[in-house]
All heavy atoms as atom14 arrays in JSON, in Angstrom:
{
  "sequence": "FYDISDESGTHVASFYTDWFPRDSKRGGAWMNAF",
  "atom14_mask": [
    [1, 1, 1, 1, 1, 1, 1, 1, 1, 1, 1, 0, 0, 0],
    [1, 1, 1, 1, 1, 1, 1, 1, 1, 1, 1, 1, 0, 0],
    [1, 1, 1, 1, 1, 1, 1, 1, 0, 0, 0, 0, 0, 0],
    [1, 1, 1, 1, 1, 1, 1, 1, 0, 0, 0, 0, 0, 0],
    [1, 1, 1, 1, 1, 1, 0, 0, 0, 0, 0, 0, 0, 0],
    [1, 1, 1, 1, 1, 1, 1, 1, 0, 0, 0, 0, 0, 0],
    [1, 1, 1, 1, 1, 1, 1, 1, 1, 0, 0, 0, 0, 0],
    [1, 1, 1, 1, 1, 1, 0, 0, 0, 0, 0, 0, 0, 0],
    [1, 1, 1, 1, 0, 0, 0, 0, 0, 0, 0, 0, 0, 0],
    [1, 1, 1, 1, 1, 1, 1, 0, 0, 0, 0, 0, 0, 0],
    [1, 1, 1, 1, 1, 1, 1, 1, 1, 1, 0, 0, 0, 0],
    [1, 1, 1, 1, 1, 1, 1, 0, 0, 0, 0, 0, 0, 0],
    [1, 1, 1, 1, 1, 0, 0, 0, 0, 0, 0, 0, 0, 0],
    [1, 1, 1, 1, 1, 1, 0, 0, 0, 0, 0, 0, 0, 0],
    [1, 1, 1, 1, 1, 1, 1, 1, 1, 1, 1, 0, 0, 0],
    [1, 1, 1, 1, 1, 1, 1, 1, 1, 1, 1, 1, 0, 0],
    [1, 1, 1, 1, 1, 1, 1, 0, 0, 0, 0, 0, 0, 0],
    [1, 1, 1, 1, 1, 1, 1, 1, 0, 0, 0, 0, 0, 0],
    [1, 1, 1, 1, 1, 1, 1, 1, 1, 1, 1, 1, 1, 1],
    [1, 1, 1, 1, 1, 1, 1, 1, 1, 1, 1, 0, 0, 0],
    [1, 1, 1, 1, 1, 1, 1, 0, 0, 0, 0, 0, 0, 0],
    [1, 1, 1, 1, 1, 1, 1, 1, 1, 1, 1, 0, 0, 0],
    [1, 1, 1, 1, 1, 1, 1, 1, 0, 0, 0, 0, 0, 0],
    [1, 1, 1, 1, 1, 1, 0, 0, 0, 0, 0, 0, 0, 0],
    [1, 1, 1, 1, 1, 1, 1, 1, 1, 0, 0, 0, 0, 0],
    [1, 1, 1, 1, 1, 1, 1, 1, 1, 1, 1, 0, 0, 0],
    [1, 1, 1, 1, 0, 0, 0, 0, 0, 0, 0, 0, 0, 0],
    [1, 1, 1, 1, 0, 0, 0, 0, 0, 0, 0, 0, 0, 0],
    [1, 1, 1, 1, 1, 0, 0, 0, 0, 0, 0, 0, 0, 0],
    [1, 1, 1, 1, 1, 1, 1, 1, 1, 1, 1, 1, 1, 1],
    [1, 1, 1, 1, 1, 1, 1, 1, 0, 0, 0, 0, 0, 0],
    [1, 1, 1, 1, 1, 1, 1, 1, 0, 0, 0, 0, 0, 0],
    [1, 1, 1, 1, 1, 0, 0, 0, 0, 0, 0, 0, 0, 0],
    [1, 1, 1, 1, 1, 1, 1, 1, 1, 1, 1, 0, 0, 0]
  ],
  "atom14_positions": [
    [[-7.2, -5.69, 4.57], [-8.5, -5.69, 3.9], [-9.05, -7.2, 3.7], [-8.2, -8.11, 3.36], [-8.32, -5.12, 2.52], [-9.59, -4.96, 1.71], [-10.52, -3.96, 1.87], [-9.74, -5.73, 0.67], [-11.6, -3.86, 1.13], [-10.9, -5.69, -0.16], [-11.87, -4.7, 0.18], [0.0, 0.0, 0.0], [0.0, 0.0, 0.0], [0.0, 0.0, 0.0]],
    [[-10.23, -7.51, 3.88], [-10.88, -8.79, 3.79], [-12.17, -8.87, 2.94], [-12.84, -7.76, 2.94], [-11.1, -9.38, 5.23], [-9.97, -9.47, 6.14], [-9.58, -8.33, 6.89], [-9.28, -10.62, 6.27], [-8.42, -8.5, 7.71], [-8.15, -10.8, 7.11], [-7.76, -9.61, 7.88], [-6.63, -9.71, 8.66], [0.0, 0.0, 0.0], [0.0, 0.0, 0.0]],
    [[-12.38, -10.04, 2.36], [-13.61, -10.2, 1.66], [-14.39, -11.32, 2.4], [-13.89, -12.29, 2.95], [-13.37, -10.63, 0.19], [-12.62, -9.6, -0.71], [-13.03, -8.45, -0.58], [-11.64, -10.0, -1.37], [0.0, 0.0, 0.0], [0.0, 0.0, 0.0], [0.0, 0.0, 0.0], [0.0, 0.0, 0.0], [0.0, 0.0, 0.0], [0.0, 0.0, 0.0]],
    [[-15.87, -11.12, 2.33], [-16.64, -12.04, 2.96], [-17.65, -12.7, 1.91], [-18.22, -11.85, 1.16], [-17.57, -11.44, 4.03], [-16.73, -10.81, 5.09], [-18.53, -12.45, 4.66], [-17.55, -10.18, 6.24], [0.0, 0.0, 0.0], [0.0, 0.0, 0.0], [0.0, 0.0, 0.0], [0.0, 0.0, 0.0], [0.0, 0.0, 0.0], [0.0, 0.0, 0.0]],
    [[-17.65, -13.95, 1.76], [-18.58, -14.63, 0.85], [-19.6, -15.45, 1.62], [-19.18, -16.02, 2.74], [-17.75, -15.5, -0.14], [-16.84, -14.78, -0.76], [0.0, 0.0, 0.0], [0.0, 0.0, 0.0], [0.0, 0.0, 0.0], [0.0, 0.0, 0.0], [0.0, 0.0, 0.0], [0.0, 0.0, 0.0], [0.0, 0.0, 0.0], [0.0, 0.0, 0.0]],
    [[-20.79, -15.6, 1.11], [-21.76, -16.45, 1.73], [-21.6, -17.9, 1.31], [-20.68, -18.26, 0.47], [-23.17, -15.95, 1.51], [-23.6, -16.08, 0.1], [-22.89, -16.63, -0.81], [-24.67, -15.42, -0.3], [0.0, 0.0, 0.0], [0.0, 0.0, 0.0], [0.0, 0.0, 0.0], [0.0, 0.0, 0.0], [0.0, 0.0, 0.0], [0.0, 0.0, 0.0]],
    [[-22.53, -18.77, 1.73], [-22.38, -20.16, 1.41], [-22.35, -20.47, -0.03], [-21.76, -21.51, -0.59], [-23.51, -21.01, 2.09], [-23.17, -21.37, 3.57], [-24.22, -22.15, 4.25], [-25.4, -21.68, 4.21], [-23.95, -23.26, 4.69], [0.0, 0.0, 0.0], [0.0, 0.0, 0.0], [0.0, 0.0, 0.0], [0.0, 0.0, 0.0], [0.0, 0.0, 0.0]],
    [[-23.05, -19.73, -0.83], [-23.16, -19.91, -2.25], [-21.9, -19.39, -3.05], [-21.83, -19.54, -4.22], [-24.38, -19.21, -2.89], [-24.32, -17.85, -2.82], [0.0, 0.0, 0.0], [0.0, 0.0, 0.0], [0.0, 0.0, 0.0], [0.0, 0.0, 0.0], [0.0, 0.0, 0.0], [0.0, 0.0, 0.0], [0.0, 0.0, 0.0], [0.0, 0.0, 0.0]],
    [[-21.02, -18.78, -2.24], [-19.85, -18.17, -2.92], [-20.04, -16.72, -3.34], [-19.09, -16.07, -3.86], [0.0, 0.0, 0.0], [0.0, 0.0, 0.0], [0.0, 0.0, 0.0], [0.0, 0.0, 0.0], [0.0, 0.0, 0.0], [0.0, 0.0, 0.0], [0.0, 0.0, 0.0], [0.0, 0.0, 0.0], [0.0, 0.0, 0.0], [0.0, 0.0, 0.0]],
    [[-21.21, -16.21, -3.1], [-21.41, -14.71, -3.43], [-20.7, -13.82, -2.52], [-20.7, -13.93, -1.36], [-22.93, -14.48, -3.34], [-23.67, -15.31, -4.21], [-23.22, -13.0, -3.85], [0.0, 0.0, 0.0], [0.0, 0.0, 0.0], [0.0, 0.0, 0.0], [0.0, 0.0, 0.0], [0.0, 0.0, 0.0], [0.0, 0.0, 0.0], [0.0, 0.0, 0.0]],
    [[-19.98, -12.8, -3.11], [-19.31, -11.82, -2.37], [-20.31, -10.89, -1.83], [-20.9, -10.07, -2.45], [-18.33, -11.15, -3.35], [-17.65, -9.93, -2.69], [-17.19, -8.83, -3.42], [-17.2, -9.71, -1.44], [-16.65, -7.95, -2.74], [-16.56, -8.47, -1.52], [0.0, 0.0, 0.0], [0.0, 0.0, 0.0], [0.0, 0.0, 0.0], [0.0, 0.0, 0.0]],
    [[-20.5, -10.9, -0.45], [-21.51, -10.06, 0.21], [-20.96, -8.87, 0.88], [-21.69, -7.93, 1.08], [-22.33, -10.93, 1.12], [-23.18, -11.99, 0.45], [-21.49, -11.52, 2.27], [0.0, 0.0, 0.0], [0.0, 0.0, 0.0], [0.0, 0.0, 0.0], [0.0, 0.0, 0.0], [0.0, 0.0, 0.0], [0.0, 0.0, 0.0], [0.0, 0.0, 0.0]],
    [[-19.69, -8.84, 1.17], [-19.08, -7.75, 1.94], [-17.5, -7.79, 1.95], [-16.98, -8.86, 1.65], [-19.59, -7.65, 3.38], [0.0, 0.0, 0.0], [0.0, 0.0, 0.0], [0.0, 0.0, 0.0], [0.0, 0.0, 0.0], [0.0, 0.0, 0.0], [0.0, 0.0, 0.0], [0.0, 0.0, 0.0], [0.0, 0.0, 0.0], [0.0, 0.0, 0.0]],
    [[-16.95, -6.57, 2.17], [-15.55, -6.52, 2.45], [-15.35, -5.56, 3.62], [-16.26, -4.77, 4.06], [-14.83, -6.01, 1.2], [-14.84, -6.87, 0.11], [0.0, 0.0, 0.0], [0.0, 0.0, 0.0], [0.0, 0.0, 0.0], [0.0, 0.0, 0.0], [0.0, 0.0, 0.0], [0.0, 0.0, 0.0], [0.0, 0.0, 0.0], [0.0, 0.0, 0.0]],
    [[-14.13, -5.67, 4.26], [-13.96, -4.77, 5.37], [-12.43, -4.52, 5.51], [-11.6, -5.28, 5.1], [-14.59, -5.35, 6.65], [-14.0, -6.56, 7.16], [-13.0, -6.63, 8.15], [-14.55, -7.79, 6.6], [-12.55, -7.9, 8.54], [-14.02, -9.07, 7.02], [-13.03, -9.07, 7.99], [0.0, 0.0, 0.0], [0.0, 0.0, 0.0], [0.0, 0.0, 0.0]],
    [[-12.1, -3.33, 6.18], [-10.76, -3.04, 6.54], [-10.53, -3.36, 8.09], [-11.51, -3.17, 8.89], [-10.47, -1.57, 6.36], [-10.72, -1.11, 4.93], [-11.94, -0.73, 4.53], [-9.59, -0.96, 4.0], [-12.15, -0.31, 3.17], [-9.85, -0.52, 2.68], [-11.08, -0.2, 2.28], [-11.3, 0.29, 0.99], [0.0, 0.0, 0.0], [0.0, 0.0, 0.0]],
    [[-9.35, -3.58, 8.52], [-8.96, -3.62, 9.93], [-7.82, -2.71, 10.16], [-6.97, -2.55, 9.39], [-8.74, -5.0, 10.44], [-7.49, -5.51, 9.77], [-9.79, -5.95, 10.15], [0.0, 0.0, 0.0], [0.0, 0.0, 0.0], [0.0, 0.0, 0.0], [0.0, 0.0, 0.0], [0.0, 0.0, 0.0], [0.0, 0.0, 0.0], [0.0, 0.0, 0.0]],
    [[-7.82, -2.1, 11.45], [-6.73, -1.24, 11.83], [-6.66, -1.27, 13.35], [-7.47, -0.75, 14.06], [-7.0, 0.27, 11.44], [-5.88, 1.16, 11.7], [-4.89, 0.69, 12.37], [-6.06, 2.4, 11.45], [0.0, 0.0, 0.0], [0.0, 0.0, 0.0], [0.0, 0.0, 0.0], [0.0, 0.0, 0.0], [0.0, 0.0, 0.0], [0.0, 0.0, 0.0]],
    [[-5.7, -2.16, 13.85], [-5.88, -2.68, 15.29], [-5.04, -2.01, 16.31], [-5.33, -2.13, 17.51], [-5.58, -4.13, 15.31], [-6.57, -5.01, 14.67], [-6.49, -5.97, 13.65], [-7.99, -5.09, 15.07], [-7.58, -6.54, 13.37], [-8.66, -6.12, 14.18], [-8.78, -4.49, 16.01], [-9.97, -6.51, 14.29], [-10.19, -4.83, 16.06], [-10.81, -5.78, 15.19]],
    [[-4.11, -1.26, 15.96], [-3.02, -0.8, 16.99], [-3.1, 0.71, 17.21], [-3.44, 1.52, 16.3], [-1.65, -1.26, 16.47], [-1.53, -2.67, 16.21], [-1.11, -3.15, 15.08], [-1.97, -3.61, 17.17], [-1.03, -4.57, 14.75], [-1.97, -5.03, 16.92], [-1.47, -5.49, 15.66], [0.0, 0.0, 0.0], [0.0, 0.0, 0.0], [0.0, 0.0, 0.0]],
    [[-2.77, 1.05, 18.44], [-2.71, 2.55, 18.8], [-1.7, 3.35, 18.03], [-0.52, 2.75, 17.84], [-2.6, 2.54, 20.37], [-2.01, 1.17, 20.66], [-2.37, 0.23, 19.57], [0.0, 0.0, 0.0], [0.0, 0.0, 0.0], [0.0, 0.0, 0.0], [0.0, 0.0, 0.0], [0.0, 0.0, 0.0], [0.0, 0.0, 0.0], [0.0, 0.0, 0.0]],
    [[-1.93, 4.59, 17.79], [-1.08, 5.48, 17.28], [-1.34, 6.89, 17.96], [-2.48, 7.2, 18.36], [-1.03, 5.72, 15.77], [-0.9, 4.45, 14.96], [-0.89, 4.81, 13.4], [-2.28, 4.99, 13.05], [-3.02, 4.0, 12.58], [-2.68, 2.78, 12.68], [-4.21, 4.34, 12.14], [0.0, 0.0, 0.0], [0.0, 0.0, 0.0], [0.0, 0.0, 0.0]],
    [[-0.41, 7.76, 17.93], [-0.64, 9.06, 18.57], [-1.56, 9.87, 17.62], [-2.17, 10.84, 18.1], [0.67, 9.76, 18.78], [1.5, 9.33, 19.96], [0.88, 8.55, 20.66], [2.67, 9.64, 19.99], [0.0, 0.0, 0.0], [0.0, 0.0, 0.0], [0.0, 0.0, 0.0], [0.0, 0.0, 0.0], [0.0, 0.0, 0.0], [0.0, 0.0, 0.0]],
    [[-1.71, 9.4, 16.33], [-2.62, 10.14, 15.42], [-3.95, 9.49, 15.36], [-4.74, 9.84, 14.44], [-1.9, 10.09, 14.06], [-1.79, 8.82, 13.56], [0.0, 0.0, 0.0], [0.0, 0.0, 0.0], [0.0, 0.0, 0.0], [0.0, 0.0, 0.0], [0.0, 0.0, 0.0], [0.0, 0.0, 0.0], [0.0, 0.0, 0.0], [0.0, 0.0, 0.0]],
    [[-4.26, 8.62, 16.21], [-5.55, 7.78, 16.15], [-6.22, 7.97, 17.41], [-5.68, 7.92, 18.57], [-5.13, 6.41, 15.9], [-6.24, 5.41, 15.7], [-5.64, 4.03, 15.59], [-6.67, 2.88, 15.41], [-6.04, 1.62, 15.33], [0.0, 0.0, 0.0], [0.0, 0.0, 0.0], [0.0, 0.0, 0.0], [0.0, 0.0, 0.0], [0.0, 0.0, 0.0]],
    [[-7.55, 8.04, 17.35], [-8.37, 8.17, 18.6], [-8.48, 6.86, 19.28], [-8.19, 5.79, 18.77], [-9.7, 8.69, 18.3], [-10.79, 7.77, 17.63], [-12.14, 8.39, 17.56], [-13.07, 7.54, 16.8], [-13.94, 6.72, 17.35], [-13.85, 6.43, 18.74], [-14.9, 6.11, 16.72], [0.0, 0.0, 0.0], [0.0, 0.0, 0.0], [0.0, 0.0, 0.0]],
    [[-8.73, 6.94, 20.59], [-8.84, 5.72, 21.41], [-10.03, 4.86, 21.27], [-10.92, 5.23, 20.47], [0.0, 0.0, 0.0], [0.0, 0.0, 0.0], [0.0, 0.0, 0.0], [0.0, 0.0, 0.0], [0.0, 0.0, 0.0], [0.0, 0.0, 0.0], [0.0, 0.0, 0.0], [0.0, 0.0, 0.0], [0.0, 0.0, 0.0], [0.0, 0.0, 0.0]],
    [[-10.02, 3.71, 21.84], [-11.23, 2.93, 21.8], [-11.26, 1.98, 20.61], [-10.25, 1.74, 19.94], [0.0, 0.0, 0.0], [0.0, 0.0, 0.0], [0.0, 0.0, 0.0], [0.0, 0.0, 0.0], [0.0, 0.0, 0.0], [0.0, 0.0, 0.0], [0.0, 0.0, 0.0], [0.0, 0.0, 0.0], [0.0, 0.0, 0.0], [0.0, 0.0, 0.0]],
    [[-12.38, 1.32, 20.48], [-12.5, 0.39, 19.42], [-13.91, 0.72, 18.69], [-14.84, 0.94, 19.48], [-12.5, -1.08, 19.87], [0.0, 0.0, 0.0], [0.0, 0.0, 0.0], [0.0, 0.0, 0.0], [0.0, 0.0, 0.0], [0.0, 0.0, 0.0], [0.0, 0.0, 0.0], [0.0, 0.0, 0.0], [0.0, 0.0, 0.0], [0.0, 0.0, 0.0]],
    [[-14.0, 0.5, 17.47], [-15.29, 0.73, 16.76], [-15.42, 0.14, 15.46], [-14.39, -0.31, 14.8], [-15.43, 2.3, 16.58], [-14.46, 3.02, 15.69], [-14.72, 3.33, 14.41], [-13.15, 3.49, 15.9], [-13.6, 3.97, 13.81], [-12.64, 4.1, 14.75], [-12.36, 3.53, 17.11], [-11.33, 4.69, 14.67], [-11.15, 4.0, 17.02], [-10.6, 4.63, 15.91]],
    [[-16.63, 0.01, 14.99], [-16.93, -0.38, 13.66], [-17.64, 0.62, 12.88], [-18.36, 1.46, 13.52], [-17.79, -1.75, 13.68], [-18.46, -2.15, 12.34], [-20.07, -1.5, 12.1], [-20.26, -1.71, 10.35], [0.0, 0.0, 0.0], [0.0, 0.0, 0.0], [0.0, 0.0, 0.0], [0.0, 0.0, 0.0], [0.0, 0.0, 0.0], [0.0, 0.0, 0.0]],
    [[-17.46, 0.73, 11.62], [-18.32, 1.72, 10.9], [-18.5, 1.2, 9.43], [-17.85, 0.24, 9.04], [-17.47, 3.09, 10.78], [-18.4, 4.26, 10.66], [-19.6, 4.15, 10.34], [-17.88, 5.44, 10.88], [0.0, 0.0, 0.0], [0.0, 0.0, 0.0], [0.0, 0.0, 0.0], [0.0, 0.0, 0.0], [0.0, 0.0, 0.0], [0.0, 0.0, 0.0]],
    [[-19.49, 1.84, 8.88], [-19.91, 1.38, 7.52], [-19.47, 2.47, 6.47], [-19.75, 3.65, 6.76], [-21.42, 1.16, 7.4], [0.0, 0.0, 0.0], [0.0, 0.0, 0.0], [0.0, 0.0, 0.0], [0.0, 0.0, 0.0], [0.0, 0.0, 0.0], [0.0, 0.0, 0.0], [0.0, 0.0, 0.0], [0.0, 0.0, 0.0], [0.0, 0.0, 0.0]],
    [[-18.74, 2.07, 5.41], [-18.51, 2.96, 4.32], [-19.58, 2.95, 3.21], [-20.11, 3.93, 2.79], [-17.21, 2.66, 3.68], [-16.03, 3.11, 4.47], [-15.01, 2.11, 4.75], [-15.8, 4.25, 5.03], [-13.83, 2.45, 5.54], [-14.74, 4.54, 5.78], [-13.75, 3.62, 6.02], [0.0, 0.0, 0.0], [0.0, 0.0, 0.0], [0.0, 0.0, 0.0]]
  ]
}
């Protein structure tokens, strides 16, 4: 999990990463918005 801040230090976004294959996970790569 990561946080993104802009130049003024304002927290503008956060995001999750999940990078590796598993048999329980679909193929490919993608981004999505929660």
